[in-house]
Protein backbone atom coordinates (compact mmCIF):
# COMPACT_ATOMS: atom_id res chain seq x y z
CA MET A 1 0.00 0.00 0.00
CA ALA A 2 1.23 3.47 -0.89
CA ASP A 3 1.88 6.01 1.86
CA LEU A 4 -0.56 8.88 1.29
CA LEU A 5 -0.70 12.47 2.52
CA GLY A 6 -3.76 14.70 2.28
CA ILE A 7 -3.49 18.34 3.39
CA GLU A 8 -6.23 20.93 3.71
CA CYS A 9 -5.11 24.49 4.44
CA GLY A 10 -7.75 27.03 5.45
CA ALA A 11 -8.24 30.36 7.16
CA THR A 12 -8.59 28.74 10.59
CA ARG A 13 -6.11 25.86 10.52
CA THR A 14 -4.26 23.29 8.44
CA VAL A 15 -5.13 19.62 8.82
CA ALA A 16 -2.85 16.88 7.49
CA LEU A 17 -3.90 13.23 7.25
CA PHE A 18 -1.16 10.64 6.69
CA GLU A 19 -2.23 7.12 5.72
CA GLN A 20 0.25 4.30 6.13
CA ALA A 21 -0.64 0.60 6.16
CA ASN A 22 -4.36 1.46 6.38
CA GLU A 23 -3.81 3.55 9.53
CA VAL A 24 -4.43 7.30 9.44
CA GLN A 25 -2.53 9.82 11.56
CA ARG A 26 -3.91 13.34 11.99
CA ALA A 27 -1.88 16.48 12.62
CA VAL A 28 -3.01 20.10 12.96
CA PHE A 29 -0.98 23.17 12.03
CA GLY A 30 -1.57 26.89 11.70
CA PRO A 31 -3.77 28.55 9.05
CA ALA A 32 -2.59 29.17 5.48
CA ASN A 33 -3.98 31.16 2.57
CA LEU A 34 -1.85 31.14 -0.57
CA ARG A 35 -2.54 34.79 -1.35
CA LEU A 36 -1.39 35.87 2.09
CA LEU A 37 1.90 33.93 2.04
CA SER A 38 5.19 34.89 0.44
CA ASP A 39 7.14 32.13 -1.30
CA ARG A 40 9.38 31.83 1.75
CA GLN A 41 6.42 31.62 4.15
CA LEU A 42 4.71 29.03 1.93
CA ALA A 43 7.81 26.86 1.86
CA ALA A 44 8.21 27.16 5.63
CA HIS A 45 4.59 26.12 6.20
CA LEU A 46 4.95 23.02 4.02
CA ARG A 47 8.31 22.09 5.59
CA LYS A 48 6.73 22.22 9.04
CA ILE A 49 4.20 19.61 7.86
CA ALA A 50 6.90 17.49 6.22
CA LYS A 51 8.97 17.37 9.42
CA ALA A 52 6.05 15.92 11.37
CA ILE A 53 5.14 13.20 8.85
CA ASP A 54 6.97 10.33 7.14
CA LEU A 55 7.81 10.54 3.45
CA PRO A 56 4.65 10.00 1.35
CA GLU A 57 4.37 8.53 -2.12
CA ALA A 58 1.35 10.63 -3.11
CA VAL A 59 0.45 14.11 -1.83
CA THR A 60 -2.63 16.25 -2.36
CA ILE A 61 -2.73 19.81 -1.02
CA GLY A 62 -5.89 21.88 -1.04
CA MET A 63 -5.15 25.45 0.01
CA ALA A 64 -7.37 28.48 0.44
CA GLY A 65 -6.49 31.23 -2.03
CA ALA A 66 -5.32 28.87 -4.80
CA ARG A 67 -7.84 30.32 -7.22
CA THR A 68 -6.06 30.41 -10.59
CA THR A 69 -3.92 28.00 -12.56
CA ALA A 70 -0.93 30.20 -11.78
CA ASP A 71 -1.75 29.93 -8.06
CA LYS A 72 -1.84 26.14 -8.26
CA LYS A 73 1.44 26.03 -10.17
CA ARG A 74 3.04 28.16 -7.49
CA LEU A 75 1.76 25.80 -4.80
CA LEU A 76 2.92 22.77 -6.78
CA LYS A 77 6.39 24.26 -7.26
CA ALA A 78 6.75 24.73 -3.51
CA ALA A 79 5.42 21.24 -2.75
CA VAL A 80 7.79 19.55 -5.20
CA LYS A 81 10.75 21.13 -3.39
CA VAL A 82 9.49 19.93 -0.01
CA TRP A 83 8.60 16.39 -1.19
CA PRO A 84 11.04 15.78 -4.08
CA LYS A 85 10.77 11.99 -3.79
CA ALA A 86 6.97 11.87 -3.99
CA SER A 87 5.81 10.17 -7.18
CA HIS A 88 2.58 12.15 -7.35
CA ILE A 89 1.68 15.64 -6.15
CA HIS A 90 -1.64 17.37 -6.75
CA ALA A 91 -1.92 21.06 -5.89
CA THR A 92 -5.39 22.56 -5.83
CA ASN A 93 -7.77 24.74 -3.82
CA ASP A 94 -9.59 23.84 -0.63
CA LEU A 95 -12.90 23.68 -2.53
CA GLU A 96 -11.90 20.63 -4.57
CA THR A 97 -10.66 18.79 -1.49
CA ALA A 98 -13.86 19.62 0.38
CA LEU A 99 -15.97 18.26 -2.47
CA ALA A 100 -13.90 15.07 -2.55
CA ALA A 101 -14.72 14.53 1.14
CA ASP A 102 -18.28 13.52 0.24
CA THR A 103 -19.09 10.05 1.55
CA GLN A 104 -21.27 9.29 -1.48
CA ARG A 105 -19.02 7.63 -4.08
CA LYS A 106 -21.53 7.29 -6.91
CA PRO A 107 -20.63 9.28 -10.06
CA LEU A 108 -22.81 12.38 -9.65
CA ASP A 109 -22.62 16.06 -10.43
CA ARG A 110 -21.82 17.69 -7.10
CA VAL A 111 -22.00 21.28 -5.89
CA LEU A 112 -20.32 22.40 -2.68
CA VAL A 113 -22.21 25.24 -0.98
CA LEU A 114 -19.77 26.85 1.41
CA SER A 115 -20.66 29.49 3.98
CA GLY A 116 -18.22 30.21 6.75
CA THR A 117 -16.25 33.40 7.24
CA GLY A 118 -16.57 33.76 3.46
CA SER A 119 -18.73 31.96 0.91
CA CYS A 120 -18.47 30.20 -2.42
CA CYS A 121 -20.16 27.55 -4.57
CA PHE A 122 -18.00 25.01 -6.40
CA GLY A 123 -19.23 22.17 -8.59
CA GLN A 124 -17.57 19.21 -10.24
CA ALA A 125 -18.87 16.60 -12.69
CA PRO A 126 -17.67 12.98 -12.81
CA ASP A 127 -15.51 13.79 -15.86
CA GLY A 128 -13.66 16.50 -13.93
CA THR A 129 -15.46 19.49 -15.44
CA THR A 130 -15.84 22.24 -12.86
CA ALA A 131 -18.00 25.30 -12.26
CA LYS A 132 -17.60 28.04 -9.70
CA LEU A 133 -19.70 30.89 -8.40
CA GLY A 134 -18.42 33.33 -5.80
CA GLY A 135 -15.14 33.28 -3.96
CA TRP A 136 -14.43 36.92 -4.80
CA GLY A 137 -13.57 37.95 -1.25
CA HIS A 138 -15.46 40.11 1.20
CA ILE A 139 -15.25 43.34 -0.83
CA LEU A 140 -16.67 41.92 -4.07
CA GLY A 141 -18.55 38.85 -2.89
CA ASP A 142 -18.97 36.49 0.10
CA LYS A 143 -22.75 36.62 -0.22
CA GLY A 144 -24.56 34.72 2.52
CA SER A 145 -21.35 34.33 4.51
CA GLY A 146 -20.71 34.94 8.18
CA TYR A 147 -18.96 38.16 7.19
CA GLU A 148 -21.94 39.45 5.21
CA ILE A 149 -24.37 38.46 7.98
CA GLY A 150 -22.26 40.33 10.54
CA LEU A 151 -21.83 43.38 8.33
CA ARG A 152 -25.53 43.55 7.49
CA ALA A 153 -26.29 43.39 11.20
CA LEU A 154 -24.08 46.41 11.87
CA LYS A 155 -25.59 48.36 8.99
CA ALA A 156 -29.16 47.50 10.01
CA CYS A 157 -28.59 48.57 13.61
CA VAL A 158 -27.21 52.00 12.71
CA PHE A 159 -29.86 52.46 9.99
CA TYR A 160 -32.74 51.99 12.41
CA LEU A 161 -30.98 54.20 14.95
CA ASP A 162 -30.79 57.02 12.39
CA ARG A 163 -34.31 56.52 11.05
CA ASP A 164 -36.30 55.73 14.18
CA GLY A 165 -34.04 56.91 16.98
CA THR A 166 -34.11 53.45 18.59
CA TRP A 167 -31.26 51.08 19.36
CA SER A 168 -32.40 47.53 18.61
CA ALA A 169 -32.05 44.41 20.72
CA LEU A 170 -29.59 43.11 18.12
CA GLY A 171 -27.55 46.28 18.54
CA GLN A 172 -27.49 45.77 22.29
CA ARG A 173 -26.15 42.24 21.84
CA ILE A 174 -23.42 43.50 19.50
CA LEU A 175 -22.29 46.25 21.89
CA ARG A 176 -22.17 43.75 24.74
CA ARG A 177 -20.11 41.29 22.71
CA LEU A 178 -17.63 43.97 21.62
CA GLN A 179 -17.46 45.62 25.05
CA LEU A 180 -18.46 48.98 23.56
CA ASN A 181 -20.49 51.57 25.42
CA SER A 182 -22.25 53.41 22.60
CA PRO A 183 -23.04 53.03 18.88
CA ASP A 184 -20.57 55.84 18.08
CA GLN A 185 -17.73 53.56 19.16
CA LEU A 186 -18.63 51.17 16.36
CA ILE A 187 -17.09 53.59 13.84
CA ASP A 188 -13.57 53.12 15.19
CA TRP A 189 -14.10 49.42 15.86
CA VAL A 190 -15.27 48.53 12.37
CA ALA A 191 -12.50 50.63 10.77
CA GLY A 192 -9.91 48.36 12.35
CA ALA A 193 -11.83 45.08 12.46
CA ALA A 194 -10.52 42.11 10.51
CA LYS A 195 -12.80 40.01 8.34
CA PRO A 196 -13.06 37.16 10.91
CA GLU A 197 -14.01 39.63 13.66
CA ILE A 198 -16.96 40.95 11.66
CA ALA A 199 -17.93 37.41 10.65
CA ASP A 200 -17.95 36.42 14.32
CA LEU A 201 -20.88 38.81 14.88
CA ALA A 202 -23.05 36.34 12.94
CA ARG A 203 -23.31 34.39 16.20
CA GLU A 204 -25.23 37.29 17.74
CA VAL A 205 -27.53 37.42 14.72
CA PHE A 206 -28.40 33.74 15.12
CA ALA A 207 -28.87 34.17 18.87
CA ALA A 208 -31.18 37.16 18.33
CA HIS A 209 -33.09 35.25 15.66
CA ALA A 210 -33.71 32.47 18.18
CA ARG A 211 -35.47 35.11 20.31
CA ARG A 212 -37.65 36.12 17.35
CA ASP A 213 -35.77 39.33 16.56
CA LYS A 214 -37.22 40.66 13.29
CA ILE A 215 -34.05 42.38 12.08
CA SER A 216 -32.04 39.18 12.53
CA THR A 217 -34.73 37.09 10.86
CA ASP A 218 -34.76 39.38 7.83
CA ILE A 219 -30.97 39.19 7.56
CA LEU A 220 -30.91 35.39 7.77
CA ASP A 221 -33.82 34.96 5.36
CA GLY A 222 -31.93 37.05 2.83
CA ALA A 223 -28.71 35.10 3.37
CA ALA A 224 -30.46 31.73 2.96
CA SER A 225 -32.18 32.86 -0.23
CA THR A 226 -28.92 34.18 -1.68
CA LEU A 227 -27.01 30.98 -0.92
CA ALA A 228 -29.75 28.87 -2.51
CA LYS A 229 -29.85 31.04 -5.64
CA ASP A 230 -26.07 30.92 -6.01
CA ALA A 231 -26.00 27.15 -5.44
CA CYS A 232 -28.59 26.57 -8.16
CA ALA A 233 -26.84 28.97 -10.52
CA CYS A 234 -23.60 27.02 -10.04
CA ALA A 235 -25.47 23.76 -10.68
CA ARG A 236 -26.95 25.21 -13.86
CA LYS A 237 -23.48 26.15 -15.11
CA LEU A 238 -22.27 22.62 -14.38
CA ALA A 239 -25.18 20.38 -15.31
CA GLY A 240 -27.86 22.40 -17.08
CA LYS A 241 -31.36 23.00 -15.76
CA THR A 242 -32.75 19.53 -15.07
CA LYS A 243 -29.94 17.03 -14.45
CA PRO A 244 -29.87 15.63 -10.87
CA VAL A 245 -27.28 17.30 -8.66
CA ARG A 246 -26.03 16.51 -5.17
CA PHE A 247 -25.53 19.65 -3.06
CA LEU A 248 -23.13 19.51 -0.11
CA LEU A 249 -23.47 22.12 2.63
CA ALA A 250 -20.19 23.11 4.26
CA GLY A 251 -18.59 25.85 6.32
CA SER A 252 -19.16 26.89 9.91
CA VAL A 253 -22.32 28.92 9.23
CA LEU A 254 -24.10 25.98 7.61
CA LEU A 255 -22.69 23.19 9.76
CA LYS A 256 -23.06 24.93 13.14
CA GLN A 257 -26.52 26.37 12.44
CA PRO A 258 -28.65 23.36 11.40
CA LYS A 259 -31.93 25.32 11.26
CA PHE A 260 -30.36 27.84 8.91
CA ALA A 261 -28.91 25.00 6.83
CA ALA A 262 -32.37 23.42 6.63
CA LYS A 263 -33.76 26.70 5.33
CA VAL A 264 -31.06 26.84 2.65
CA ALA A 265 -31.71 23.20 1.70
CA LYS A 266 -35.46 23.83 1.40
CA ALA A 267 -34.85 26.83 -0.85
CA ILE A 268 -32.50 24.78 -3.07
CA ARG A 269 -35.05 21.97 -3.44
CA SER A 270 -37.80 24.44 -4.33
CA ARG A 271 -35.64 25.88 -7.11
CA ARG A 272 -34.25 22.52 -8.28
CA PRO A 273 -36.73 19.73 -7.46
CA GLY A 274 -35.32 16.24 -7.01
CA SER A 275 -31.96 17.49 -5.75
CA GLN A 276 -30.06 15.86 -2.92
CA VAL A 277 -29.03 18.41 -0.28
CA VAL A 278 -26.93 17.08 2.59
CA PRO A 279 -24.36 18.45 5.05
CA LEU A 280 -20.73 17.58 4.41
CA LYS A 281 -20.03 15.16 7.24
CA ASN A 282 -16.30 14.63 6.76
CA GLU A 283 -13.64 17.28 7.24
CA SER A 284 -12.07 18.56 4.02
CA ALA A 285 -8.73 16.90 4.75
CA THR A 286 -10.37 13.51 4.14
CA GLY A 287 -11.09 14.72 0.63
CA ALA A 288 -7.43 15.60 0.15
CA LEU A 289 -6.52 12.10 1.31
CA GLU A 290 -9.05 10.59 -1.10
CA LEU A 291 -7.55 12.56 -3.99
CA ALA A 292 -4.08 11.35 -2.97
CA ARG A 293 -5.45 7.81 -3.08
CA HIS A 294 -6.59 8.36 -6.67
CA LEU A 295 -3.19 9.83 -7.53
CA ALA A 296 -1.38 6.75 -6.27
CA LYS A 297 -3.13 4.69 -8.95
CA ARG A 298 -1.68 6.88 -11.73
CA PRO A 299 1.62 6.42 -13.61
CA SER A 300 4.69 7.64 -11.72
CA SER A 301 5.77 11.29 -11.64
CA ASP A 302 2.34 12.53 -12.70
CA LYS A 303 2.46 15.82 -10.81
CA VAL A 304 -0.65 17.82 -11.69
CA THR A 305 -2.33 21.12 -10.90
CA THR A 306 -5.55 20.65 -12.86
CA PRO A 307 -8.58 18.86 -11.34
CA LEU A 308 -8.26 15.09 -11.57
CA GLY A 309 -9.79 13.72 -14.75
CA GLN A 310 -9.91 17.07 -16.50
CA ALA A 311 -7.92 17.56 -19.68
CA PRO A 312 -6.23 20.90 -20.37
CA ALA A 313 -8.85 23.23 -21.79
CA ILE A 314 -6.57 24.97 -24.30
CA PRO A 315 -4.52 23.01 -26.85
CA VAL A 316 -1.17 24.81 -27.02
CA PRO A 317 0.57 23.89 -30.31
CA GLU A 318 3.64 21.70 -30.21
CA LEU A 319 6.50 24.17 -30.38
CA ALA A 320 9.43 21.88 -29.64
CA GLN A 321 10.92 22.71 -33.04
CA LEU A 322 11.41 26.29 -31.86
CA GLY A 323 13.72 25.14 -29.11
CA GLN A 324 16.66 25.83 -31.41
CA ALA A 325 15.40 29.27 -32.45
CA PRO A 326 18.05 32.04 -32.29
CA THR A 327 16.03 33.84 -29.62
CA GLU A 328 16.52 30.83 -27.33
CA GLN A 329 20.30 30.58 -27.85
CA ARG A 330 23.39 32.56 -26.96
CA HIS A 331 24.47 34.81 -29.81
CA PRO A 332 27.55 33.28 -31.50
CA ARG A 333 29.16 36.71 -31.99
CA SER A 334 28.93 37.61 -28.30
CA MET A 335 30.22 34.43 -26.68
CA ASN A 336 33.21 36.40 -25.33
CA LEU A 337 31.25 39.55 -24.51
CA ASP A 338 32.56 39.66 -20.95
CA ARG A 339 36.15 39.78 -22.26
CA LEU A 340 35.68 42.29 -25.10
CA PRO A 341 37.04 45.81 -24.70
CA LEU A 342 34.16 48.22 -24.08
CA GLY A 343 34.56 49.96 -27.43
CA GLN A 344 34.42 46.66 -29.35
CA ALA A 345 31.35 45.59 -27.38
CA ILE A 346 29.54 48.80 -28.35
CA ASP A 347 30.60 48.31 -32.00
CA LEU A 348 29.14 44.80 -31.83
CA PHE A 349 25.80 46.12 -30.54
CA LEU A 350 25.65 48.80 -33.25
CA ASP A 351 26.56 46.33 -35.98
CA GLU A 352 23.82 43.94 -34.87
CA ASP A 353 21.31 46.80 -34.76
CA SER A 354 22.26 47.82 -38.30
CA ARG A 355 21.00 44.44 -39.54
CA ILE A 356 17.48 45.03 -38.21
CA PRO A 357 16.12 47.08 -41.18
CA ALA A 358 17.07 44.36 -43.65
CA ALA A 359 15.39 41.71 -41.48
CA ILE A 360 12.22 43.81 -41.27
CA LYS A 361 12.26 44.46 -45.02
CA ALA A 362 12.28 40.71 -45.65
CA GLU A 363 8.88 40.58 -43.89
CA LYS A 364 7.42 43.51 -45.84
CA THR A 365 4.62 41.50 -47.47
CA LYS A 366 3.42 40.19 -44.11
CA LEU A 367 3.64 43.63 -42.55
CA LEU A 368 1.51 45.08 -45.35
CA ARG A 369 -1.11 42.42 -44.75
CA VAL A 370 -1.29 43.12 -41.00
CA VAL A 371 -1.40 46.89 -41.45
CA ARG A 372 -4.29 46.53 -43.90
CA TRP A 373 -6.14 44.33 -41.40
CA VAL A 374 -5.76 47.02 -38.75
CA VAL A 375 -6.84 49.80 -41.13
CA ASP A 376 -9.95 47.84 -42.13
CA ALA A 377 -10.72 47.14 -38.47
CA PHE A 378 -10.50 50.82 -37.56
CA LYS A 379 -12.70 51.80 -40.49
CA ASN A 380 -15.36 49.37 -39.29
CA GLY A 381 -15.29 50.32 -35.62
CA GLY A 382 -12.91 47.54 -34.62
CA ARG A 383 -9.98 47.65 -32.22
CA LEU A 384 -6.32 46.62 -32.11
CA PHE A 385 -5.03 44.48 -29.24
CA TYR A 386 -1.42 43.70 -28.38
CA SER A 387 -0.79 40.74 -26.08
CA GLY A 388 2.52 39.73 -24.59
CA ALA A 389 4.42 38.59 -21.53
CA GLY A 390 7.33 40.29 -19.82
CA THR A 391 9.17 42.81 -21.98
CA SER A 392 7.04 41.90 -25.01
CA GLY A 393 3.88 42.70 -23.08
CA ARG A 394 5.32 45.94 -21.72
CA LEU A 395 6.14 47.13 -25.24
CA GLY A 396 2.58 46.40 -26.36
CA VAL A 397 1.10 48.30 -23.41
CA LEU A 398 3.55 51.16 -24.00
CA ASP A 399 2.57 51.53 -27.67
CA ALA A 400 -1.15 51.36 -26.81
CA SER A 401 -0.76 54.00 -24.10
CA GLU A 402 0.93 56.41 -26.54
CA CYS A 403 -1.86 56.27 -29.13
CA PRO A 404 -4.34 58.59 -27.33
CA PRO A 405 -1.92 61.50 -26.70
CA THR A 406 -0.01 61.11 -29.99
CA PHE A 407 -2.87 60.42 -32.41
CA ARG A 408 -5.88 61.55 -30.35
CA ALA A 409 -7.16 57.99 -30.56
CA ASP A 410 -9.89 56.73 -28.27
CA PRO A 411 -8.23 54.71 -25.43
CA GLU A 412 -10.52 51.83 -26.42
CA GLN A 413 -9.15 51.71 -29.98
CA VAL A 414 -5.67 50.35 -29.21
CA GLN A 415 -5.22 48.24 -26.07
CA GLY A 416 -2.39 46.32 -24.48
CA ILE A 417 -2.69 43.03 -22.60
CA ILE A 418 0.19 41.81 -20.45
CA ALA A 419 0.47 38.42 -18.74
CA GLY A 420 0.06 38.91 -15.01
CA GLY A 421 -1.87 42.18 -15.39
CA PHE A 422 -0.88 45.58 -14.03
CA PRO A 423 1.72 44.33 -11.48
CA ALA A 424 3.71 42.76 -14.35
CA LEU A 425 4.42 46.21 -15.80
CA CYS A 426 6.79 46.99 -12.93
CA GLN A 427 8.00 43.58 -11.77
CA ALA A 428 8.23 40.00 -12.92
CA VAL A 429 5.16 37.85 -12.19
CA GLU A 430 6.39 34.28 -11.85
CA GLY A 431 4.69 31.82 -14.21
CA ALA A 432 2.31 34.33 -15.80
CA GLU A 433 3.67 33.69 -19.29
CA ASP A 434 2.95 29.95 -18.98
CA ASN A 435 -0.77 30.36 -18.22
CA ALA A 436 -2.64 29.76 -21.49
CA GLU A 437 -6.04 29.94 -19.78
CA ALA A 438 -5.23 33.42 -18.47
CA GLY A 439 -4.43 34.53 -22.02
CA ALA A 440 -7.79 33.20 -23.19
CA GLU A 441 -9.61 34.84 -20.28
CA ALA A 442 -8.10 38.21 -21.17
CA VAL A 443 -9.55 37.88 -24.67
CA ARG A 444 -12.96 36.84 -23.35
CA PHE A 445 -13.24 39.65 -20.83
CA ARG A 446 -12.09 42.30 -23.31
CA GLU A 447 -14.90 41.02 -25.58
CA ILE A 448 -12.55 40.69 -28.55
CA GLY A 449 -14.62 39.88 -31.65
CA LYS A 450 -14.44 39.35 -35.40
CA GLN A 451 -14.17 43.07 -36.09
CA ASP A 452 -10.97 43.36 -33.98
CA VAL A 453 -7.31 42.54 -34.64
CA PHE A 454 -5.36 40.57 -32.03
CA ILE A 455 -1.54 40.59 -32.25
CA GLY A 456 0.52 38.34 -30.02
CA ILE A 457 4.05 39.54 -29.29
CA ALA A 458 6.63 36.87 -28.45
CA ALA A 459 10.29 36.78 -29.42
CA SER A 460 10.39 32.98 -29.59
CA GLY A 461 6.79 32.24 -30.59
CA ARG A 462 6.52 29.81 -27.66
CA THR A 463 4.61 31.76 -24.99
CA PRO A 464 1.49 29.81 -23.78
CA PHE A 465 -0.22 33.02 -22.58
CA ILE A 466 -0.12 34.30 -26.18
CA TRP A 467 -1.33 31.01 -27.65
CA GLY A 468 -4.22 30.96 -25.20
CA GLY A 469 -5.25 34.40 -26.45
CA ILE A 470 -4.91 33.36 -30.10
CA TRP A 471 -6.94 30.21 -29.48
CA GLU A 472 -9.76 32.14 -27.84
CA ALA A 473 -9.67 34.97 -30.42
CA ASN A 474 -9.99 32.48 -33.28
CA LYS A 475 -13.13 31.03 -31.67
CA ARG A 476 -14.94 34.36 -31.59
């Protein structure tokens, strides 16, 4: 039997389950969110786990904050360094591991409905296809979460104080819990309160609801309705309108408040009749262990970041033949650059630069074709997009940014897309150029269409981010 390690890292704690000879050991460590950890902190957190547990053959890590493919690759890179002898490593988010913790093993479309400090809905089909709704954080999302319930309670209390001049029973409970003496003190408290502190106020909302407090009841009714709507919307994205779906309720709000969970379940069934709606009985780490068990059955060295059973969504062309391209090699004329006298080195640079016009002229026919495409696009209301990674992307963004002041062009007319987004303009974003899905997403969310021109900029022609954009642009 293979030695297996399943790890679930969340905002409250990290749980690691190590299975050896059919016996499972459990260890608990501190919290971990990928987006809140530097590379050094991430490595230290994983090493702490590794020191406490024997060497595993297969490892699955589900970590909060591992939202994108780039996030998962970063987590995988760190895990490979900590467990270099593991034959299989799967790096994913804590939603996939939670879903895998379901005790029902039949092949069904499943949707995890999570409401704790934050909230999210995550679905997965038997073939590995996934769908997600929410998970945008407390500023943009977290609907129906403990945070939103607590925040709505604060807003409702001060609203009724302003409108009616009365301080509600719910407000009294909140002041007592926070050891504050007047509503005015809430201003300073909430300005410095962390997300978990506001989410913790949900306990007072549930307690007030148990005493038939109308404000609390209205807040919880709204939260239950929102969670049910989001759950069904996620199911629709995954399985259409009528296919049977199994909904799993998870997170502290749903698991510690059974009456509230029952209300959410009832609302889901009314919107999607015939659905199974059950609480997630196992902790998420058991799902990580289950995924590690599946990994152990795979061929050796199959380290993956995509959901198990799901093929890569974007076919990046085979570019191995470009491995010998001049852009990927040392320049034969500058092999001894470090030993050349400074004057000769400058002469070498200038001589190489003098060859550029001839190289460009050799591509004149292709340049004419592209320029005509752009002219036709502009005449018909279309736009020009540059897409690149690193220096290539920066040059595209630079040219696009100069068009409005130089040619009085509309900022929408010429746009630059850089792998990694705005931060990549000033600093390197590790792995951004290798994310083909991110390149495709950029095209989708810029609504690039048939009337537009999309130009990928890559010295070698190998960049997956660019190919993802080209693939998506050609579909539209």
